[in-house]
Amino acid sequence: MCLGIVMIYSSSSIYAWERYKDGLFFLKRHLSFMLIGGLLAFIFMIVDYRKLRSLARPLLIISAILLVLVLIPGIGREVSGARRWFRFKLLSFQPSELANLAIIIYLADFIARKENLIKTFLKGFLPPICVLGAFGLLILMQPDLGTIISLGLVVLTMLFVAGVRPSYILSLILGSLPFLFILIFSVPYRRARIVSFINPWIDPKGSGFQIIQSQIALGSGGIFGVGLGHSRQKLFYLPAAHTDFIFSIIGEELGLLGTIGVIMLFTIFIQQGIKIIKNAPDKFGYFLSLGLVLMISFRAIINIGVSCGILPTKGLPLPFISYGGSSFIFDMVSVGILINIARTGDYP
């Protein structure tokens, strides 16, 4: 998070001055998000995580209501054709972030309760998949395919670890491929993203512009970088430099060593997360910590992969480092819950 503070200011100050006449605009907002997230993380760190089990279904219902409300014009805020946010004075709240956490809590509770039935189709596999499908449909209407894919990966991995038959999961994946194909290639901007992923130079000033500029940033940094604050790509060349593509600015300013450092930090996070999972005191804590570690890890992997051009463009921030209100806050809440589980369990 300390690295995030430095890089958000470095990557956003000129853009913030040009748009808001305040070079500290995004940094000040990010610090306010950090304060809110820190307070919530502290609360979730000291309140017994087992109490979340009683909130599993209420959180699902609240999340579903919010996902419906955000689609209503005049209530949800539309940005670049997507209606994903509630806009308040100091904070934009994205209900899909709450939905991610709610589904993980629900699924951890479901697996803990249905441990003996988890291998069955009707009572073990079908209920969580129906919940995932219902929420996926609401999120897709925003539209936000990237969140659905990352959440689907988390849910299926949790079910696999819980002991769901691999044939059920494989059948679901194979059955979803035609729908995924239609969702991607029936929408022009998604189709353009796939084409630009395969060869961004087909449309270097259009769909391929962002990934080309991202690779230029990473390549320009070399081994040691051009120096902190000296990025050229943040000068209105690379869109979303302080959010989705902050990893590219890190590569440009801090070089290969900086990007390796970020990857090492996430590797350590995953390593410590595995320790928490293995030493969780009960099944609920085991699968709750598994889901939270998977959610943050998958987002980091996807964001870094997109910045390097090895994955198609997705609008997912880099956890703990990118500028982002609700996503950053819920990442901190997740860490608070993980620390709670670690303190309760036999953490080495």
Protein backbone atom coordinates (compact mmCIF):
# COMPACT_ATOMS: atom_id res chain seq x y z
CA MET A 1 0.00 0.00 0.00
CA CYS A 2 2.96 2.32 0.62
CA LEU A 3 4.15 1.64 -2.92
CA GLY A 4 0.60 2.40 -4.09
CA ILE A 5 0.61 5.81 -2.41
CA VAL A 6 3.86 6.77 -4.13
CA MET A 7 2.87 5.44 -7.57
CA ILE A 8 -0.66 6.88 -7.51
CA TYR A 9 0.77 10.35 -6.90
CA SER A 10 3.48 9.86 -9.52
CA SER A 11 1.11 8.54 -12.19
CA SER A 12 -1.87 10.84 -11.56
CA SER A 13 -0.53 14.24 -10.51
CA ILE A 14 -0.24 15.75 -14.00
CA TYR A 15 -3.60 14.34 -15.12
CA ALA A 16 -5.19 15.59 -11.87
CA TRP A 17 -3.77 19.08 -12.42
CA GLU A 18 -4.98 19.19 -16.01
CA ARG A 19 -8.50 18.04 -15.11
CA TYR A 20 -9.06 19.34 -11.55
CA LYS A 21 -6.33 21.99 -11.12
CA ASP A 22 -5.09 20.01 -8.12
CA GLY A 23 -2.12 17.68 -8.53
CA LEU A 24 -2.96 16.00 -5.21
CA PHE A 25 -6.61 15.28 -6.12
CA PHE A 26 -6.32 11.51 -6.56
CA LEU A 27 -3.75 11.11 -3.81
CA LYS A 28 -5.97 12.85 -1.25
CA ARG A 29 -8.96 10.75 -2.24
CA HIS A 30 -6.86 7.59 -2.10
CA LEU A 31 -5.69 8.47 1.41
CA SER A 32 -9.31 8.94 2.46
CA PHE A 33 -10.11 5.50 1.01
CA MET A 34 -7.18 4.12 2.98
CA LEU A 35 -8.51 5.66 6.19
CA ILE A 36 -11.99 4.17 5.63
CA GLY A 37 -10.54 0.81 4.62
CA GLY A 38 -8.17 0.80 7.59
CA LEU A 39 -11.00 1.41 10.05
CA LEU A 40 -13.12 -1.34 8.49
CA ALA A 41 -10.15 -3.71 8.37
CA PHE A 42 -9.52 -3.10 12.08
CA ILE A 43 -13.17 -3.86 12.89
CA PHE A 44 -13.14 -7.08 10.89
CA MET A 45 -9.80 -7.97 12.46
CA ILE A 46 -11.10 -7.88 16.05
CA VAL A 47 -14.69 -9.12 15.60
CA ASP A 48 -14.84 -12.93 15.45
CA TYR A 49 -15.04 -13.94 11.79
CA ARG A 50 -17.48 -16.74 12.67
CA LYS A 51 -20.17 -14.12 13.15
CA LEU A 52 -20.07 -13.59 9.38
CA ARG A 53 -21.86 -16.93 8.95
CA SER A 54 -25.11 -15.42 10.23
CA LEU A 55 -24.68 -12.56 7.74
CA ALA A 56 -24.14 -14.77 4.68
CA ARG A 57 -27.70 -14.69 3.37
CA PRO A 58 -28.50 -11.07 4.39
CA LEU A 59 -25.36 -9.91 2.57
CA LEU A 60 -26.43 -11.82 -0.53
CA ILE A 61 -29.86 -10.19 -0.47
CA ILE A 62 -28.45 -6.69 0.11
CA SER A 63 -25.91 -7.20 -2.69
CA ALA A 64 -28.61 -8.36 -5.11
CA ILE A 65 -30.79 -5.33 -4.29
CA LEU A 66 -27.85 -2.95 -4.82
CA LEU A 67 -26.96 -4.63 -8.12
CA VAL A 68 -30.53 -4.04 -9.30
CA LEU A 69 -30.61 -0.42 -8.07
CA VAL A 70 -27.33 0.48 -9.78
CA LEU A 71 -28.91 -0.39 -13.14
CA ILE A 72 -31.69 2.19 -12.69
CA PRO A 73 -30.99 5.49 -14.50
CA GLY A 74 -30.72 8.35 -12.05
CA ILE A 75 -29.57 6.08 -9.24
CA GLY A 76 -26.57 4.29 -10.71
CA ARG A 77 -23.79 6.36 -12.26
CA GLU A 78 -22.87 5.68 -15.88
CA VAL A 79 -19.24 6.01 -16.98
CA SER A 80 -18.08 5.12 -20.51
CA GLY A 81 -21.27 3.21 -21.21
CA ALA A 82 -21.10 1.11 -18.02
CA ARG A 83 -23.48 1.60 -15.09
CA ARG A 84 -21.55 0.12 -12.17
CA TRP A 85 -21.30 2.79 -9.48
CA PHE A 86 -23.24 4.69 -6.86
CA ARG A 87 -21.83 8.19 -6.73
CA PHE A 88 -21.47 9.97 -3.39
CA LYS A 89 -19.61 13.20 -2.63
CA LEU A 90 -16.29 11.61 -1.68
CA LEU A 91 -16.74 8.01 -2.74
CA SER A 92 -17.96 5.99 -5.70
CA PHE A 93 -19.33 2.68 -4.43
CA GLN A 94 -19.30 -0.35 -6.74
CA PRO A 95 -21.87 -2.92 -5.51
CA SER A 96 -20.19 -5.77 -7.41
CA GLU A 97 -17.31 -5.49 -4.92
CA LEU A 98 -19.71 -6.18 -2.04
CA ALA A 99 -21.24 -8.99 -4.12
CA ASN A 100 -17.81 -10.65 -4.49
CA LEU A 101 -17.32 -10.69 -0.72
CA ALA A 102 -20.91 -11.75 -0.06
CA ILE A 103 -20.67 -14.72 -2.44
CA ILE A 104 -17.38 -15.88 -0.90
CA ILE A 105 -18.86 -15.71 2.63
CA TYR A 106 -22.02 -17.51 1.47
CA LEU A 107 -20.05 -20.24 -0.33
CA ALA A 108 -17.71 -20.78 2.65
CA ASP A 109 -20.74 -21.15 4.92
CA PHE A 110 -22.51 -23.41 2.38
CA ILE A 111 -19.52 -25.75 2.08
CA ALA A 112 -19.11 -25.90 5.86
CA ARG A 113 -22.81 -26.80 6.29
CA LYS A 114 -23.09 -29.18 3.33
CA GLU A 115 -19.74 -30.90 3.70
CA ASN A 116 -21.28 -34.36 3.45
CA LEU A 117 -23.42 -33.45 0.44
CA ILE A 118 -20.91 -31.40 -1.53
CA LYS A 119 -20.21 -34.23 -4.00
CA THR A 120 -23.87 -34.48 -4.98
CA PHE A 121 -25.19 -32.50 -7.94
CA LEU A 122 -28.59 -31.28 -6.69
CA LYS A 123 -27.65 -30.37 -3.12
CA GLY A 124 -23.92 -29.75 -3.38
CA PHE A 125 -23.06 -28.30 -6.78
CA LEU A 126 -26.26 -26.76 -8.15
CA PRO A 127 -27.18 -24.24 -5.37
CA PRO A 128 -23.91 -22.21 -5.46
CA ILE A 129 -23.86 -22.31 -9.26
CA CYS A 130 -27.42 -20.90 -9.34
CA VAL A 131 -26.34 -18.10 -6.99
CA LEU A 132 -23.29 -17.41 -9.17
CA GLY A 133 -25.46 -17.40 -12.29
CA ALA A 134 -28.02 -14.98 -10.83
CA PHE A 135 -25.37 -12.53 -9.66
CA GLY A 136 -23.41 -13.00 -12.87
CA LEU A 137 -26.46 -11.98 -14.88
CA LEU A 138 -26.91 -8.79 -12.83
CA ILE A 139 -23.22 -7.91 -13.14
CA LEU A 140 -23.30 -8.67 -16.87
CA MET A 141 -26.11 -6.14 -17.33
CA GLN A 142 -23.81 -3.35 -16.07
CA PRO A 143 -21.81 -4.66 -18.16
CA ASP A 144 -18.74 -6.08 -16.39
CA LEU A 145 -17.55 -9.36 -17.90
CA GLY A 146 -14.13 -9.18 -16.24
CA THR A 147 -15.61 -9.31 -12.72
CA ILE A 148 -17.78 -12.29 -13.69
CA ILE A 149 -14.78 -14.23 -15.01
CA SER A 150 -12.61 -13.56 -11.93
CA LEU A 151 -15.49 -14.36 -9.55
CA GLY A 152 -16.30 -17.53 -11.50
CA LEU A 153 -12.69 -18.68 -11.17
CA VAL A 154 -12.83 -18.14 -7.40
CA VAL A 155 -16.12 -20.01 -6.98
CA LEU A 156 -15.13 -22.99 -9.14
CA THR A 157 -11.76 -23.30 -7.40
CA MET A 158 -13.43 -23.24 -3.97
CA LEU A 159 -15.89 -25.93 -5.09
CA PHE A 160 -13.08 -28.06 -6.53
CA VAL A 161 -11.10 -27.86 -3.29
CA ALA A 162 -14.28 -28.68 -1.34
CA GLY A 163 -14.57 -31.97 -3.23
CA VAL A 164 -17.10 -31.27 -5.98
CA ARG A 165 -16.75 -33.82 -8.76
CA PRO A 166 -14.39 -32.48 -11.46
CA SER A 167 -16.80 -33.74 -14.13
CA TYR A 168 -19.44 -31.26 -12.90
CA ILE A 169 -17.01 -28.36 -13.09
CA LEU A 170 -15.64 -29.42 -16.48
CA SER A 171 -19.16 -29.82 -17.88
CA LEU A 172 -20.08 -26.34 -16.65
CA ILE A 173 -16.97 -24.80 -18.22
CA LEU A 174 -17.51 -26.55 -21.56
CA GLY A 175 -21.21 -25.63 -21.54
CA SER A 176 -20.35 -21.99 -20.82
CA LEU A 177 -17.91 -21.62 -23.71
CA PRO A 178 -20.58 -21.01 -26.42
CA PHE A 179 -22.23 -18.34 -24.25
CA LEU A 180 -18.85 -16.75 -23.52
CA PHE A 181 -18.09 -16.75 -27.24
CA ILE A 182 -21.40 -14.99 -27.94
CA LEU A 183 -20.87 -12.48 -25.11
CA ILE A 184 -17.46 -11.54 -26.48
CA PHE A 185 -17.97 -11.53 -30.23
CA SER A 186 -21.51 -10.09 -30.28
CA VAL A 187 -20.32 -6.88 -28.59
CA PRO A 188 -18.06 -4.68 -30.76
CA TYR A 189 -15.77 -3.35 -28.01
CA ARG A 190 -15.18 -6.83 -26.56
CA ARG A 191 -14.48 -8.24 -30.00
CA ALA A 192 -12.05 -5.38 -30.61
CA ARG A 193 -10.27 -6.20 -27.34
CA ILE A 194 -9.69 -9.80 -28.45
CA VAL A 195 -8.45 -8.67 -31.86
CA SER A 196 -6.12 -6.11 -30.28
CA PHE A 197 -4.88 -8.75 -27.82
CA ILE A 198 -3.89 -11.02 -30.71
CA ASN A 199 -2.29 -8.16 -32.67
CA PRO A 200 -2.63 -4.63 -31.24
CA TRP A 201 -0.92 -3.14 -34.31
CA ILE A 202 -3.98 -3.92 -36.44
CA ASP A 203 -5.57 -0.81 -34.90
CA PRO A 204 -2.73 1.08 -33.15
CA LYS A 205 -4.74 4.28 -32.69
CA GLY A 206 -7.95 2.54 -31.63
CA SER A 207 -8.49 -0.73 -29.79
CA GLY A 208 -4.77 -1.52 -29.69
CA PHE A 209 -3.70 1.88 -28.39
CA GLN A 210 -3.84 1.11 -24.67
CA ILE A 211 -1.91 -2.16 -24.76
CA ILE A 212 0.72 -0.68 -27.12
CA GLN A 213 1.29 2.27 -24.78
CA SER A 214 1.45 -0.14 -21.83
CA GLN A 215 4.15 -2.20 -23.52
CA ILE A 216 6.04 0.95 -24.49
CA ALA A 217 6.01 1.98 -20.82
CA LEU A 218 7.29 -1.40 -19.64
CA GLY A 219 9.93 -1.54 -22.38
CA SER A 220 11.12 2.02 -21.79
CA GLY A 221 11.92 1.27 -18.16
CA GLY A 222 14.65 -1.23 -18.91
CA ILE A 223 16.21 -2.86 -15.87
CA PHE A 224 16.43 0.13 -13.52
CA GLY A 225 13.69 2.43 -14.86
CA VAL A 226 13.74 6.04 -16.04
CA GLY A 227 13.44 7.27 -12.48
CA LEU A 228 10.58 7.87 -10.06
CA GLY A 229 8.29 10.60 -11.39
CA HIS A 230 9.94 10.66 -14.84
CA SER A 231 7.42 8.55 -16.75
CA ARG A 232 6.52 9.84 -20.21
CA GLN A 233 3.56 7.52 -20.76
CA LYS A 234 1.62 9.14 -17.93
CA LEU A 235 1.67 12.38 -19.94
CA PHE A 236 -1.71 11.51 -21.52
CA TYR A 237 -0.34 8.64 -23.62
CA LEU A 238 -1.39 5.70 -21.44
CA PRO A 239 -5.08 5.79 -20.40
CA ALA A 240 -5.94 4.69 -16.84
CA ALA A 241 -2.30 5.09 -15.78
CA HIS A 242 -3.20 5.39 -12.07
CA THR A 243 -5.85 2.65 -12.07
CA ASP A 244 -5.84 -0.40 -14.37
CA PHE A 245 -2.34 0.18 -15.84
CA ILE A 246 -0.39 1.40 -12.83
CA PHE A 247 1.84 -1.69 -13.14
CA SER A 248 3.08 -0.34 -16.49
CA ILE A 249 4.05 2.98 -14.89
CA ILE A 250 5.89 1.08 -12.16
CA GLY A 251 7.78 -0.77 -14.90
CA GLU A 252 8.64 2.47 -16.68
CA GLU A 253 9.77 4.43 -13.61
CA LEU A 254 11.26 1.63 -11.48
CA GLY A 255 12.23 -0.78 -14.28
CA LEU A 256 12.31 -4.55 -14.33
CA LEU A 257 13.51 -4.56 -10.71
CA GLY A 258 10.41 -2.62 -9.67
CA THR A 259 8.01 -4.98 -11.42
CA ILE A 260 9.81 -8.02 -9.98
CA GLY A 261 9.48 -6.38 -6.57
CA VAL A 262 5.71 -6.06 -7.02
CA ILE A 263 5.43 -9.70 -8.12
CA MET A 264 7.51 -10.76 -5.11
CA LEU A 265 5.19 -8.84 -2.77
CA PHE A 266 2.16 -10.64 -4.17
CA THR A 267 4.05 -13.95 -3.99
CA ILE A 268 4.70 -13.34 -0.29
CA PHE A 269 1.03 -12.41 0.18
CA ILE A 270 -0.04 -15.69 -1.45
CA GLN A 271 2.50 -17.65 0.60
CA GLN A 272 1.26 -16.16 3.87
CA GLY A 273 -2.33 -16.63 2.70
CA ILE A 274 -1.68 -20.35 2.19
CA LYS A 275 -0.38 -20.56 5.77
CA ILE A 276 -3.59 -18.94 7.04
CA ILE A 277 -5.71 -21.33 4.95
CA LYS A 278 -3.85 -24.44 6.13
CA ASN A 279 -4.04 -23.42 9.79
CA ALA A 280 -7.64 -22.15 9.84
CA PRO A 281 -9.46 -23.40 12.96
CA ASP A 282 -12.60 -24.66 11.17
CA LYS A 283 -14.06 -25.43 7.74
CA PHE A 284 -15.73 -22.04 7.44
CA GLY A 285 -12.47 -20.23 8.16
CA TYR A 286 -10.62 -22.54 5.76
CA PHE A 287 -12.86 -21.82 2.79
CA LEU A 288 -13.41 -18.16 3.67
CA SER A 289 -9.66 -17.52 3.72
CA LEU A 290 -9.25 -19.60 0.56
CA GLY A 291 -11.84 -17.50 -1.28
CA LEU A 292 -10.34 -14.18 -0.15
CA VAL A 293 -6.78 -15.17 -1.07
CA LEU A 294 -7.97 -16.45 -4.45
CA MET A 295 -9.94 -13.26 -5.16
CA ILE A 296 -7.00 -10.94 -4.50
CA SER A 297 -4.48 -13.26 -6.20
CA PHE A 298 -6.53 -13.73 -9.37
CA ARG A 299 -7.03 -9.97 -9.66
CA ALA A 300 -3.32 -9.34 -9.31
CA ILE A 301 -2.47 -12.01 -11.88
CA ILE A 302 -5.07 -10.71 -14.36
CA ASN A 303 -4.00 -7.08 -13.94
CA ILE A 304 -0.31 -7.85 -14.40
CA GLY A 305 -1.10 -10.14 -17.35
CA VAL A 306 -3.15 -7.42 -19.05
CA SER A 307 -0.42 -4.81 -18.51
CA CYS A 308 2.16 -7.12 -20.09
CA GLY A 309 -0.12 -8.02 -23.00
CA ILE A 310 -0.40 -11.73 -22.19
CA LEU A 311 -4.12 -11.46 -21.31
CA PRO A 312 -6.96 -9.53 -23.02
CA THR A 313 -7.76 -6.14 -21.53
CA LYS A 314 -9.93 -6.31 -18.39
CA GLY A 315 -10.97 -3.43 -16.18
CA LEU A 316 -9.57 -4.88 -12.95
CA PRO A 317 -7.34 -2.79 -10.64
CA LEU A 318 -4.09 -4.01 -9.10
CA PRO A 319 -4.96 -4.86 -5.47
CA PHE A 320 -3.53 -2.52 -2.79
CA ILE A 321 -1.65 -0.44 -5.39
CA SER A 322 -4.12 0.95 -7.96
CA TYR A 323 -6.32 3.95 -7.26
CA GLY A 324 -9.86 2.75 -6.66
CA GLY A 325 -12.44 3.49 -4.00
CA SER A 326 -14.62 0.48 -3.21
CA SER A 327 -12.23 -2.11 -4.67
CA PHE A 328 -9.39 -0.85 -2.48
CA ILE A 329 -11.61 -0.69 0.61
CA PHE A 330 -12.91 -4.24 0.15
CA ASP A 331 -9.36 -5.49 -0.40
CA MET A 332 -8.48 -4.05 3.01
CA VAL A 333 -11.60 -5.59 4.55
CA SER A 334 -10.51 -8.94 3.11
CA VAL A 335 -7.10 -8.56 4.73
CA GLY A 336 -8.78 -7.71 8.05
CA ILE A 337 -10.76 -10.96 7.86
CA LEU A 338 -7.63 -12.94 6.95
CA ILE A 339 -5.76 -11.50 9.94
CA ASN A 340 -8.76 -12.40 12.12
CA ILE A 341 -8.64 -16.02 10.92
CA ALA A 342 -4.86 -16.10 11.42
CA ARG A 343 -5.18 -14.83 15.00
CA THR A 344 -7.93 -17.34 15.78
CA GLY A 345 -6.15 -20.29 14.19
CA ASP A 346 -2.73 -21.83 14.75
CA TYR A 347 -0.82 -19.44 12.50
CA PRO A 348 2.95 -20.21 12.55
